Amino acid sequence: MSISRERLSPEQSRATALEAARRLLIDEGPQAVTLKAVAGRIGKTHANLLHHFGSAAGLQAALAGLISDRVCAGIAEAVQRSRQGEADPIEIVDRTFDAFGKEGAGALAAWMILSGNRDALNPILESIHQLVDRLGQGHEDRPVHEITLWLVLAAVGDSLLGEAMADALGLPRGKARETARRQLIAASQARDAAEGQG
């Protein structure tokens, strides 16, 4: 007697594969995100995943797009809530650091660069650019692009070297995140003071 499996739509199959790839990334690191490993996790064949993604590089690019969309949506929500006085700027820093650290976006970006798959970073870079442009609308007096640049670079650096660097300097593990929080709060306070004088 054979067991019939529920047939998923192409969109559902792709989403299931991407979620499995995301779990692999978080659990085992970017080198574990292969077509074979993802196929094994979801009970599909290597050929099935090739059909959906074209190659391992295609899978990684799609995973980068998924992560960047989630990251940018979370950051956008935190920024909007902060502007409405409902959230602290610290939440923006925490979401950014978590995205590149706990969610694996920093390791995935580094892996793609080192493996020569720089083009796969485009979804992340495009999502961040669109987010910054959207957040800057109506707030042209704020250095949204510059703040995003140093915050993302700090979060990526922390995700890759934060623990080792803090250890080497005899600092607590969360020192980079704490420093980024202080800088964002200081920038926010300086802007508020300037607006109060204007």
N, C-alpha and C. Protein backbone atom coordinates (compact mmCIF):
# COMPACT_ATOMS: atom_id res chain seq x y z
N MET A 1 0.84 -1.18 0.00
CA MET A 1 0.00 0.00 0.00
C MET A 1 0.89 1.24 0.00
N SER A 2 0.67 2.12 -0.93
CA SER A 2 1.50 3.32 -1.01
C SER A 2 0.82 4.48 -0.29
N ILE A 3 1.66 5.35 0.21
CA ILE A 3 1.16 6.53 0.91
C ILE A 3 1.17 7.68 -0.08
N SER A 4 0.03 8.31 -0.25
CA SER A 4 -0.01 9.44 -1.17
C SER A 4 0.34 10.72 -0.42
N ARG A 5 1.23 11.48 -1.00
CA ARG A 5 1.62 12.76 -0.41
C ARG A 5 0.76 13.87 -0.98
N GLU A 6 0.50 14.82 -0.12
CA GLU A 6 -0.25 15.99 -0.59
C GLU A 6 0.63 16.75 -1.58
N ARG A 7 0.08 17.06 -2.71
CA ARG A 7 0.84 17.77 -3.75
C ARG A 7 0.80 19.27 -3.46
N LEU A 8 1.98 19.86 -3.39
CA LEU A 8 2.09 21.29 -3.12
C LEU A 8 2.15 22.06 -4.44
N SER A 9 1.65 23.27 -4.40
CA SER A 9 1.78 24.14 -5.56
C SER A 9 3.27 24.51 -5.71
N PRO A 10 3.69 24.96 -6.88
CA PRO A 10 5.08 25.38 -7.04
C PRO A 10 5.49 26.46 -6.02
N GLU A 11 4.58 27.37 -5.73
CA GLU A 11 4.89 28.42 -4.75
C GLU A 11 5.08 27.84 -3.35
N GLN A 12 4.21 26.88 -2.99
CA GLN A 12 4.32 26.24 -1.67
C GLN A 12 5.60 25.41 -1.57
N SER A 13 5.94 24.69 -2.65
CA SER A 13 7.17 23.89 -2.67
C SER A 13 8.39 24.78 -2.50
N ARG A 14 8.38 25.90 -3.20
CA ARG A 14 9.51 26.84 -3.12
C ARG A 14 9.60 27.44 -1.72
N ALA A 15 8.46 27.82 -1.15
CA ALA A 15 8.46 28.39 0.21
C ALA A 15 8.94 27.37 1.24
N THR A 16 8.52 26.12 1.09
CA THR A 16 8.94 25.07 2.00
C THR A 16 10.45 24.86 1.91
N ALA A 17 10.97 24.85 0.69
CA ALA A 17 12.41 24.69 0.48
C ALA A 17 13.19 25.85 1.08
N LEU A 18 12.68 27.07 0.90
CA LEU A 18 13.38 28.23 1.44
C LEU A 18 13.37 28.23 2.97
N GLU A 19 12.28 27.81 3.56
CA GLU A 19 12.23 27.73 5.03
C GLU A 19 13.21 26.68 5.54
N ALA A 20 13.32 25.55 4.84
CA ALA A 20 14.29 24.53 5.21
C ALA A 20 15.72 25.06 5.06
N ALA A 21 15.96 25.82 4.00
CA ALA A 21 17.28 26.42 3.80
C ALA A 21 17.59 27.42 4.90
N ARG A 22 16.60 28.19 5.31
CA ARG A 22 16.80 29.16 6.40
C ARG A 22 17.14 28.45 7.70
N ARG A 23 16.46 27.35 8.00
CA ARG A 23 16.74 26.57 9.21
C ARG A 23 18.15 25.99 9.16
N LEU A 24 18.54 25.48 7.99
CA LEU A 24 19.90 24.96 7.83
C LEU A 24 20.93 26.05 8.07
N LEU A 25 20.68 27.22 7.52
CA LEU A 25 21.58 28.36 7.70
C LEU A 25 21.76 28.67 9.17
N ILE A 26 20.67 28.75 9.90
CA ILE A 26 20.72 29.09 11.33
C ILE A 26 21.35 27.96 12.15
N ASP A 27 20.96 26.73 11.84
CA ASP A 27 21.42 25.59 12.64
C ASP A 27 22.86 25.18 12.36
N GLU A 28 23.25 25.23 11.06
CA GLU A 28 24.54 24.64 10.69
C GLU A 28 25.48 25.59 9.94
N GLY A 29 25.02 26.77 9.58
CA GLY A 29 25.88 27.71 8.88
C GLY A 29 25.67 27.69 7.38
N PRO A 30 26.20 28.69 6.68
CA PRO A 30 25.94 28.84 5.25
C PRO A 30 26.48 27.71 4.39
N GLN A 31 27.58 27.09 4.80
CA GLN A 31 28.14 26.01 4.00
C GLN A 31 27.21 24.80 3.95
N ALA A 32 26.25 24.71 4.87
CA ALA A 32 25.30 23.59 4.89
C ALA A 32 24.12 23.81 3.94
N VAL A 33 23.98 25.01 3.42
CA VAL A 33 22.83 25.32 2.55
C VAL A 33 23.15 24.87 1.13
N THR A 34 22.92 23.58 0.91
CA THR A 34 23.13 22.99 -0.41
C THR A 34 21.79 22.44 -0.92
N LEU A 35 21.71 22.24 -2.21
CA LEU A 35 20.49 21.67 -2.79
C LEU A 35 20.21 20.29 -2.19
N LYS A 36 21.26 19.49 -2.04
CA LYS A 36 21.10 18.13 -1.51
C LYS A 36 20.58 18.17 -0.07
N ALA A 37 21.17 19.03 0.77
CA ALA A 37 20.75 19.11 2.17
C ALA A 37 19.32 19.60 2.31
N VAL A 38 18.97 20.62 1.53
CA VAL A 38 17.60 21.14 1.58
C VAL A 38 16.62 20.09 1.09
N ALA A 39 16.97 19.42 0.00
CA ALA A 39 16.10 18.36 -0.54
C ALA A 39 15.88 17.28 0.52
N GLY A 40 16.93 16.90 1.21
CA GLY A 40 16.83 15.89 2.25
C GLY A 40 15.92 16.31 3.39
N ARG A 41 15.96 17.58 3.73
CA ARG A 41 15.12 18.08 4.83
C ARG A 41 13.64 18.07 4.49
N ILE A 42 13.32 18.25 3.23
CA ILE A 42 11.89 18.36 2.87
C ILE A 42 11.37 17.15 2.09
N GLY A 43 12.22 16.13 1.94
CA GLY A 43 11.78 14.92 1.27
C GLY A 43 11.57 15.08 -0.22
N LYS A 44 12.34 15.93 -0.85
CA LYS A 44 12.27 16.13 -2.31
C LYS A 44 13.58 15.66 -2.92
N THR A 45 13.63 15.69 -4.23
CA THR A 45 14.85 15.30 -4.92
C THR A 45 15.68 16.53 -5.27
N HIS A 46 16.95 16.25 -5.50
CA HIS A 46 17.86 17.31 -5.95
C HIS A 46 17.33 17.94 -7.24
N ALA A 47 16.83 17.10 -8.14
CA ALA A 47 16.30 17.59 -9.42
C ALA A 47 15.10 18.52 -9.21
N ASN A 48 14.28 18.20 -8.21
CA ASN A 48 13.12 19.03 -7.91
C ASN A 48 13.56 20.44 -7.51
N LEU A 49 14.60 20.51 -6.68
CA LEU A 49 15.08 21.83 -6.26
C LEU A 49 15.77 22.57 -7.40
N LEU A 50 16.45 21.82 -8.27
CA LEU A 50 17.05 22.45 -9.45
C LEU A 50 15.96 23.10 -10.31
N HIS A 51 14.82 22.42 -10.39
CA HIS A 51 13.70 22.97 -11.15
C HIS A 51 13.25 24.32 -10.58
N HIS A 52 13.21 24.43 -9.25
CA HIS A 52 12.74 25.65 -8.60
C HIS A 52 13.78 26.77 -8.56
N PHE A 53 15.06 26.40 -8.40
CA PHE A 53 16.09 27.43 -8.15
C PHE A 53 17.18 27.49 -9.21
N GLY A 54 17.30 26.47 -10.05
CA GLY A 54 18.29 26.50 -11.12
C GLY A 54 19.67 26.04 -10.72
N SER A 55 20.10 26.37 -9.50
CA SER A 55 21.44 26.01 -9.02
C SER A 55 21.51 26.31 -7.52
N ALA A 56 22.63 25.91 -6.91
CA ALA A 56 22.84 26.23 -5.50
C ALA A 56 22.93 27.74 -5.33
N ALA A 57 23.55 28.41 -6.30
CA ALA A 57 23.64 29.87 -6.24
C ALA A 57 22.25 30.50 -6.31
N GLY A 58 21.37 29.92 -7.11
CA GLY A 58 19.99 30.41 -7.20
C GLY A 58 19.25 30.22 -5.88
N LEU A 59 19.47 29.08 -5.23
CA LEU A 59 18.87 28.82 -3.93
C LEU A 59 19.36 29.86 -2.91
N GLN A 60 20.68 30.10 -2.91
CA GLN A 60 21.24 31.07 -1.97
C GLN A 60 20.71 32.48 -2.24
N ALA A 61 20.57 32.84 -3.50
CA ALA A 61 20.04 34.17 -3.84
C ALA A 61 18.59 34.29 -3.37
N ALA A 62 17.80 33.23 -3.57
CA ALA A 62 16.41 33.25 -3.11
C ALA A 62 16.34 33.33 -1.59
N LEU A 63 17.24 32.61 -0.92
CA LEU A 63 17.29 32.66 0.54
C LEU A 63 17.68 34.06 1.01
N ALA A 64 18.65 34.67 0.34
CA ALA A 64 19.05 36.04 0.68
C ALA A 64 17.86 36.99 0.50
N GLY A 65 17.09 36.80 -0.56
CA GLY A 65 15.91 37.63 -0.78
C GLY A 65 14.88 37.46 0.32
N LEU A 66 14.63 36.21 0.72
CA LEU A 66 13.68 35.94 1.81
C LEU A 66 14.11 36.60 3.11
N ILE A 67 15.39 36.41 3.45
CA ILE A 67 15.90 36.98 4.70
C ILE A 67 15.85 38.50 4.65
N SER A 68 16.27 39.08 3.53
CA SER A 68 16.30 40.54 3.45
C SER A 68 14.90 41.13 3.52
N ASP A 69 13.93 40.46 2.90
CA ASP A 69 12.55 40.96 2.98
C ASP A 69 12.05 40.94 4.43
N ARG A 70 12.32 39.84 5.14
CA ARG A 70 11.90 39.74 6.55
C ARG A 70 12.61 40.79 7.40
N VAL A 71 13.92 40.92 7.19
CA VAL A 71 14.72 41.86 7.96
C VAL A 71 14.21 43.28 7.74
N CYS A 72 14.05 43.65 6.47
CA CYS A 72 13.64 45.02 6.16
C CYS A 72 12.23 45.31 6.67
N ALA A 73 11.34 44.33 6.61
CA ALA A 73 9.99 44.54 7.13
C ALA A 73 10.04 44.79 8.64
N GLY A 74 10.85 44.02 9.35
CA GLY A 74 10.97 44.21 10.79
C GLY A 74 11.59 45.54 11.16
N ILE A 75 12.63 45.92 10.44
CA ILE A 75 13.29 47.20 10.71
C ILE A 75 12.35 48.36 10.38
N ALA A 76 11.65 48.27 9.26
CA ALA A 76 10.71 49.33 8.87
C ALA A 76 9.65 49.51 9.94
N GLU A 77 9.14 48.40 10.45
CA GLU A 77 8.12 48.48 11.51
C GLU A 77 8.70 49.14 12.76
N ALA A 78 9.92 48.77 13.15
CA ALA A 78 10.54 49.35 14.34
C ALA A 78 10.78 50.85 14.15
N VAL A 79 11.23 51.26 12.96
CA VAL A 79 11.48 52.68 12.69
C VAL A 79 10.16 53.46 12.77
N GLN A 80 9.12 52.94 12.13
CA GLN A 80 7.83 53.63 12.16
C GLN A 80 7.31 53.76 13.58
N ARG A 81 7.42 52.68 14.35
CA ARG A 81 6.96 52.73 15.75
C ARG A 81 7.79 53.71 16.56
N SER A 82 9.09 53.79 16.28
CA SER A 82 9.96 54.73 16.98
C SER A 82 9.57 56.17 16.65
N ARG A 83 9.27 56.41 15.38
CA ARG A 83 8.87 57.77 14.96
C ARG A 83 7.54 58.18 15.57
N GLN A 84 6.69 57.21 15.87
CA GLN A 84 5.40 57.50 16.50
C GLN A 84 5.49 57.49 18.02
N GLY A 85 6.71 57.31 18.54
CA GLY A 85 6.91 57.30 19.98
C GLY A 85 6.49 56.01 20.65
N GLU A 86 6.23 54.96 19.86
CA GLU A 86 5.77 53.69 20.42
C GLU A 86 6.91 52.71 20.67
N ALA A 87 8.08 53.01 20.17
CA ALA A 87 9.21 52.10 20.33
C ALA A 87 10.47 52.90 20.55
N ASP A 88 11.44 52.25 21.11
CA ASP A 88 12.73 52.85 21.41
C ASP A 88 13.66 52.62 20.22
N PRO A 89 14.57 53.56 19.92
CA PRO A 89 15.53 53.32 18.84
C PRO A 89 16.36 52.06 19.07
N ILE A 90 16.44 51.61 20.32
CA ILE A 90 17.18 50.39 20.63
C ILE A 90 16.60 49.20 19.85
N GLU A 91 15.29 49.19 19.65
CA GLU A 91 14.66 48.09 18.92
C GLU A 91 15.18 48.01 17.49
N ILE A 92 15.47 49.15 16.89
CA ILE A 92 16.00 49.18 15.52
C ILE A 92 17.37 48.50 15.49
N VAL A 93 18.22 48.85 16.46
CA VAL A 93 19.55 48.23 16.55
C VAL A 93 19.42 46.74 16.78
N ASP A 94 18.57 46.35 17.72
CA ASP A 94 18.43 44.93 18.05
C ASP A 94 17.93 44.12 16.86
N ARG A 95 16.95 44.64 16.14
CA ARG A 95 16.43 43.91 14.97
C ARG A 95 17.51 43.76 13.91
N THR A 96 18.30 44.82 13.71
CA THR A 96 19.36 44.77 12.70
C THR A 96 20.43 43.76 13.11
N PHE A 97 20.90 43.84 14.35
CA PHE A 97 21.93 42.91 14.82
C PHE A 97 21.42 41.47 14.82
N ASP A 98 20.16 41.27 15.22
CA ASP A 98 19.59 39.91 15.23
C ASP A 98 19.49 39.35 13.81
N ALA A 99 19.11 40.19 12.87
CA ALA A 99 18.96 39.74 11.49
C ALA A 99 20.28 39.23 10.93
N PHE A 100 21.35 39.95 11.17
CA PHE A 100 22.64 39.55 10.63
C PHE A 100 23.33 38.50 11.49
N GLY A 101 22.98 38.45 12.79
CA GLY A 101 23.57 37.46 13.68
C GLY A 101 22.72 36.22 13.81
N LYS A 102 21.67 36.29 14.60
CA LYS A 102 20.83 35.13 14.90
C LYS A 102 20.14 34.55 13.67
N GLU A 103 19.74 35.41 12.73
CA GLU A 103 19.06 34.93 11.53
C GLU A 103 20.02 34.49 10.43
N GLY A 104 21.32 34.75 10.61
CA GLY A 104 22.32 34.23 9.68
C GLY A 104 22.61 35.05 8.45
N ALA A 105 22.04 36.24 8.34
CA ALA A 105 22.24 37.03 7.12
C ALA A 105 23.71 37.45 6.95
N GLY A 106 24.40 37.74 8.03
CA GLY A 106 25.82 38.12 7.94
C GLY A 106 26.68 36.98 7.43
N ALA A 107 26.47 35.79 8.00
CA ALA A 107 27.24 34.62 7.57
C ALA A 107 26.93 34.26 6.12
N LEU A 108 25.66 34.36 5.74
CA LEU A 108 25.28 34.05 4.36
C LEU A 108 25.93 35.04 3.40
N ALA A 109 25.91 36.33 3.74
CA ALA A 109 26.52 37.34 2.88
C ALA A 109 28.02 37.08 2.73
N ALA A 110 28.70 36.81 3.84
CA ALA A 110 30.14 36.54 3.78
C ALA A 110 30.43 35.29 2.94
N TRP A 111 29.63 34.25 3.13
CA TRP A 111 29.81 33.00 2.38
C TRP A 111 29.65 33.25 0.88
N MET A 112 28.63 34.02 0.51
CA MET A 112 28.40 34.28 -0.91
C MET A 112 29.54 35.08 -1.51
N ILE A 113 30.05 36.05 -0.78
CA ILE A 113 31.17 36.85 -1.28
C ILE A 113 32.41 35.97 -1.44
N LEU A 114 32.72 35.18 -0.42
CA LEU A 114 33.93 34.35 -0.45
C LEU A 114 33.84 33.22 -1.48
N SER A 115 32.64 32.78 -1.78
CA SER A 115 32.49 31.71 -2.78
C SER A 115 32.33 32.28 -4.20
N GLY A 116 32.45 33.58 -4.34
CA GLY A 116 32.39 34.21 -5.66
C GLY A 116 30.98 34.47 -6.15
N ASN A 117 29.99 34.35 -5.27
CA ASN A 117 28.60 34.53 -5.67
C ASN A 117 28.09 35.91 -5.22
N ARG A 118 28.85 36.94 -5.56
CA ARG A 118 28.50 38.30 -5.14
C ARG A 118 27.13 38.75 -5.64
N ASP A 119 26.74 38.30 -6.82
CA ASP A 119 25.45 38.71 -7.37
C ASP A 119 24.28 38.29 -6.49
N ALA A 120 24.47 37.23 -5.72
CA ALA A 120 23.40 36.75 -4.84
C ALA A 120 23.13 37.73 -3.72
N LEU A 121 24.05 38.67 -3.50
CA LEU A 121 23.83 39.70 -2.47
C LEU A 121 22.85 40.78 -2.94
N ASN A 122 22.61 40.84 -4.24
CA ASN A 122 21.75 41.90 -4.77
C ASN A 122 20.39 41.99 -4.10
N PRO A 123 19.71 40.87 -3.80
CA PRO A 123 18.42 41.01 -3.12
C PRO A 123 18.52 41.72 -1.76
N ILE A 124 19.59 41.42 -1.02
CA ILE A 124 19.77 42.07 0.29
C ILE A 124 20.02 43.56 0.08
N LEU A 125 20.94 43.88 -0.82
CA LEU A 125 21.30 45.28 -1.04
C LEU A 125 20.11 46.08 -1.59
N GLU A 126 19.37 45.47 -2.52
CA GLU A 126 18.21 46.16 -3.09
C GLU A 126 17.11 46.38 -2.04
N SER A 127 16.88 45.38 -1.20
CA SER A 127 15.86 45.53 -0.16
C SER A 127 16.23 46.63 0.82
N ILE A 128 17.50 46.65 1.22
CA ILE A 128 17.94 47.70 2.16
C ILE A 128 17.83 49.07 1.50
N HIS A 129 18.23 49.17 0.23
CA HIS A 129 18.16 50.45 -0.48
C HIS A 129 16.71 50.94 -0.57
N GLN A 130 15.80 50.04 -0.93
CA GLN A 130 14.39 50.42 -1.03
C GLN A 130 13.84 50.83 0.33
N LEU A 131 14.24 50.10 1.37
CA LEU A 131 13.79 50.44 2.73
C LEU A 131 14.26 51.84 3.12
N VAL A 132 15.53 52.12 2.88
CA VAL A 132 16.10 53.41 3.27
C VAL A 132 15.44 54.54 2.48
N ASP A 133 15.22 54.32 1.21
CA ASP A 133 14.54 55.35 0.41
C ASP A 133 13.13 55.62 0.95
N ARG A 134 12.43 54.53 1.28
CA ARG A 134 11.06 54.67 1.80
C ARG A 134 11.07 55.38 3.16
N LEU A 135 12.01 55.01 4.03
CA LEU A 135 12.08 55.64 5.36
C LEU A 135 12.52 57.09 5.29
N GLY A 136 13.27 57.42 4.25
CA GLY A 136 13.76 58.79 4.11
C GLY A 136 12.73 59.76 3.55
N GLN A 137 11.66 59.25 2.94
CA GLN A 137 10.65 60.12 2.36
C GLN A 137 9.97 60.93 3.46
N GLY A 138 10.01 62.25 3.28
CA GLY A 138 9.43 63.14 4.27
C GLY A 138 10.37 63.42 5.43
N HIS A 139 11.52 62.80 5.41
CA HIS A 139 12.51 63.00 6.48
C HIS A 139 13.88 63.28 5.85
N GLU A 140 13.87 64.11 4.82
CA GLU A 140 15.10 64.39 4.09
C GLU A 140 16.15 65.09 4.95
N ASP A 141 15.71 65.67 6.07
CA ASP A 141 16.65 66.34 6.96
C ASP A 141 17.40 65.36 7.85
N ARG A 142 17.05 64.10 7.79
CA ARG A 142 17.68 63.09 8.64
C ARG A 142 18.69 62.27 7.82
N PRO A 143 19.80 61.91 8.44
CA PRO A 143 20.84 61.15 7.71
C PRO A 143 20.52 59.65 7.67
N VAL A 144 19.38 59.30 7.10
CA VAL A 144 18.92 57.90 7.10
C VAL A 144 19.92 56.99 6.39
N HIS A 145 20.45 57.43 5.25
CA HIS A 145 21.39 56.59 4.50
C HIS A 145 22.67 56.35 5.30
N GLU A 146 23.21 57.41 5.91
CA GLU A 146 24.46 57.28 6.66
C GLU A 146 24.27 56.40 7.89
N ILE A 147 23.16 56.57 8.59
CA ILE A 147 22.90 55.75 9.78
C ILE A 147 22.75 54.29 9.37
N THR A 148 22.04 54.05 8.28
CA THR A 148 21.86 52.67 7.81
C THR A 148 23.20 52.05 7.46
N LEU A 149 24.07 52.81 6.80
CA LEU A 149 25.39 52.31 6.42
C LEU A 149 26.17 51.83 7.63
N TRP A 150 26.32 52.70 8.64
CA TRP A 150 27.15 52.27 9.77
C TRP A 150 26.46 51.20 10.61
N LEU A 151 25.14 51.24 10.69
CA LEU A 151 24.43 50.23 11.48
C LEU A 151 24.54 48.85 10.84
N VAL A 152 24.34 48.77 9.53
CA VAL A 152 24.44 47.47 8.84
C VAL A 152 25.88 46.96 8.89
N LEU A 153 26.85 47.83 8.64
CA LEU A 153 28.24 47.39 8.70
C LEU A 153 28.62 46.91 10.10
N ALA A 154 28.13 47.60 11.13
CA ALA A 154 28.40 47.17 12.51
C ALA A 154 27.75 45.81 12.78
N ALA A 155 26.52 45.63 12.32
CA ALA A 155 25.80 44.37 12.55
C ALA A 155 26.46 43.21 11.81
N VAL A 156 26.88 43.43 10.57
CA VAL A 156 27.56 42.38 9.81
C VAL A 156 28.89 42.05 10.47
N GLY A 157 29.66 43.07 10.81
CA GLY A 157 30.95 42.83 11.47
C GLY A 157 30.79 42.08 12.78
N ASP A 158 29.78 42.46 13.55
CA ASP A 158 29.53 41.79 14.82
C ASP A 158 29.14 40.33 14.60
N SER A 159 28.34 40.08 13.56
CA SER A 159 27.91 38.69 13.31
C SER A 159 29.08 37.79 12.94
N LEU A 160 30.12 38.36 12.33
CA LEU A 160 31.26 37.57 11.88
C LEU A 160 32.40 37.54 12.88
N LEU A 161 32.70 38.67 13.51
CA LEU A 161 33.87 38.77 14.38
C LEU A 161 33.58 39.24 15.80
N GLY A 162 32.32 39.55 16.08
CA GLY A 162 31.99 40.16 17.36
C GLY A 162 32.47 39.40 18.57
N GLU A 163 32.19 38.12 18.61
CA GLU A 163 32.55 37.33 19.79
C GLU A 163 34.07 37.25 19.95
N ALA A 164 34.79 36.93 18.87
CA ALA A 164 36.24 36.82 18.93
C ALA A 164 36.89 38.16 19.27
N MET A 165 36.39 39.23 18.66
CA MET A 165 36.97 40.55 18.89
C MET A 165 36.73 41.02 20.32
N ALA A 166 35.51 40.83 20.82
CA ALA A 166 35.21 41.22 22.19
C ALA A 166 36.08 40.44 23.16
N ASP A 167 36.25 39.14 22.90
CA ASP A 167 37.12 38.30 23.73
C ASP A 167 38.55 38.83 23.73
N ALA A 168 39.06 39.12 22.53
CA ALA A 168 40.44 39.59 22.39
C ALA A 168 40.66 40.91 23.13
N LEU A 169 39.63 41.75 23.18
CA LEU A 169 39.75 43.05 23.83
C LEU A 169 39.31 43.03 25.29
N GLY A 170 38.87 41.87 25.76
CA GLY A 170 38.42 41.75 27.14
C GLY A 170 37.11 42.48 27.41
N LEU A 171 36.26 42.54 26.39
CA LEU A 171 34.98 43.24 26.51
C LEU A 171 33.84 42.23 26.53
N PRO A 172 32.69 42.61 27.09
CA PRO A 172 31.53 41.71 27.05
C PRO A 172 31.07 41.48 25.61
N ARG A 173 30.46 40.32 25.36
CA ARG A 173 30.03 39.95 24.01
C ARG A 173 29.10 40.97 23.37
N GLY A 174 28.23 41.60 24.11
CA GLY A 174 27.26 42.52 23.55
C GLY A 174 27.74 43.95 23.41
N LYS A 175 29.04 44.20 23.55
CA LYS A 175 29.56 45.57 23.54
C LYS A 175 29.31 46.28 22.21
N ALA A 176 29.45 45.61 21.07
CA ALA A 176 29.23 46.27 19.78
C ALA A 176 27.78 46.71 19.65
N ARG A 177 26.87 45.85 20.06
CA ARG A 177 25.44 46.18 20.00
C ARG A 177 25.15 47.35 20.94
N GLU A 178 25.71 47.31 22.12
CA GLU A 178 25.51 48.40 23.09
C GLU A 178 26.04 49.73 22.53
N THR A 179 27.20 49.68 21.89
CA THR A 179 27.79 50.89 21.29
C THR A 179 26.89 51.42 20.17
N ALA A 180 26.37 50.53 19.34
CA ALA A 180 25.47 50.95 18.26
C ALA A 180 24.19 51.57 18.82
N ARG A 181 23.68 51.00 19.91
CA ARG A 181 22.48 51.57 20.55
C ARG A 181 22.77 53.00 21.01
N ARG A 182 23.92 53.18 21.69
CA ARG A 182 24.27 54.53 22.19
C ARG A 182 24.40 55.52 21.04
N GLN A 183 25.02 55.10 19.95
CA GLN A 183 25.21 56.00 18.81
C GLN A 183 23.87 56.38 18.18
N LEU A 184 22.96 55.42 18.05
CA LEU A 184 21.66 55.73 17.46
C LEU A 184 20.85 56.63 18.37
N ILE A 185 20.90 56.38 19.66
CA ILE A 185 20.18 57.25 20.62
C ILE A 185 20.76 58.66 20.58
N ALA A 186 22.10 58.77 20.55
CA ALA A 186 22.73 60.08 20.50
C ALA A 186 22.35 60.83 19.23
N ALA A 187 22.33 60.12 18.10
CA ALA A 187 21.94 60.76 16.83
C ALA A 187 20.49 61.23 16.89
N SER A 188 19.63 60.41 17.49
CA SER A 188 18.22 60.76 17.62
C SER A 188 18.04 61.97 18.53
N GLN A 189 18.77 62.00 19.63
CA GLN A 189 18.67 63.13 20.56
C GLN A 189 19.21 64.42 19.94
N ALA A 190 20.30 64.31 19.19
CA ALA A 190 20.88 65.48 18.53
C ALA A 190 19.90 66.04 17.50
N ARG A 191 19.23 65.15 16.76
CA ARG A 191 18.25 65.59 15.77
C ARG A 191 17.07 66.27 16.45
N ASP A 192 16.58 65.66 17.54
CA ASP A 192 15.46 66.25 18.28
C ASP A 192 15.82 67.62 18.85
N ALA A 193 17.05 67.76 19.35
CA ALA A 193 17.49 69.05 19.90
C ALA A 193 17.57 70.11 18.79
N ALA A 194 18.07 69.69 17.62
CA ALA A 194 18.17 70.62 16.49
C ALA A 194 16.77 71.05 16.02
N GLU A 195 15.84 70.09 16.01
CA GLU A 195 14.46 70.43 15.61
C GLU A 195 13.82 71.35 16.62
N GLY A 196 14.15 71.20 17.89
CA GLY A 196 13.60 72.04 18.93
C GLY A 196 14.11 73.48 18.85
N GLN A 197 15.31 73.66 18.34
CA GLN A 197 15.88 74.99 18.20
C GLN A 197 15.42 75.66 16.93
N GLY A 198 15.01 74.84 15.92
CA GLY A 198 14.66 75.38 14.60
C GLY A 198 13.30 75.88 14.57
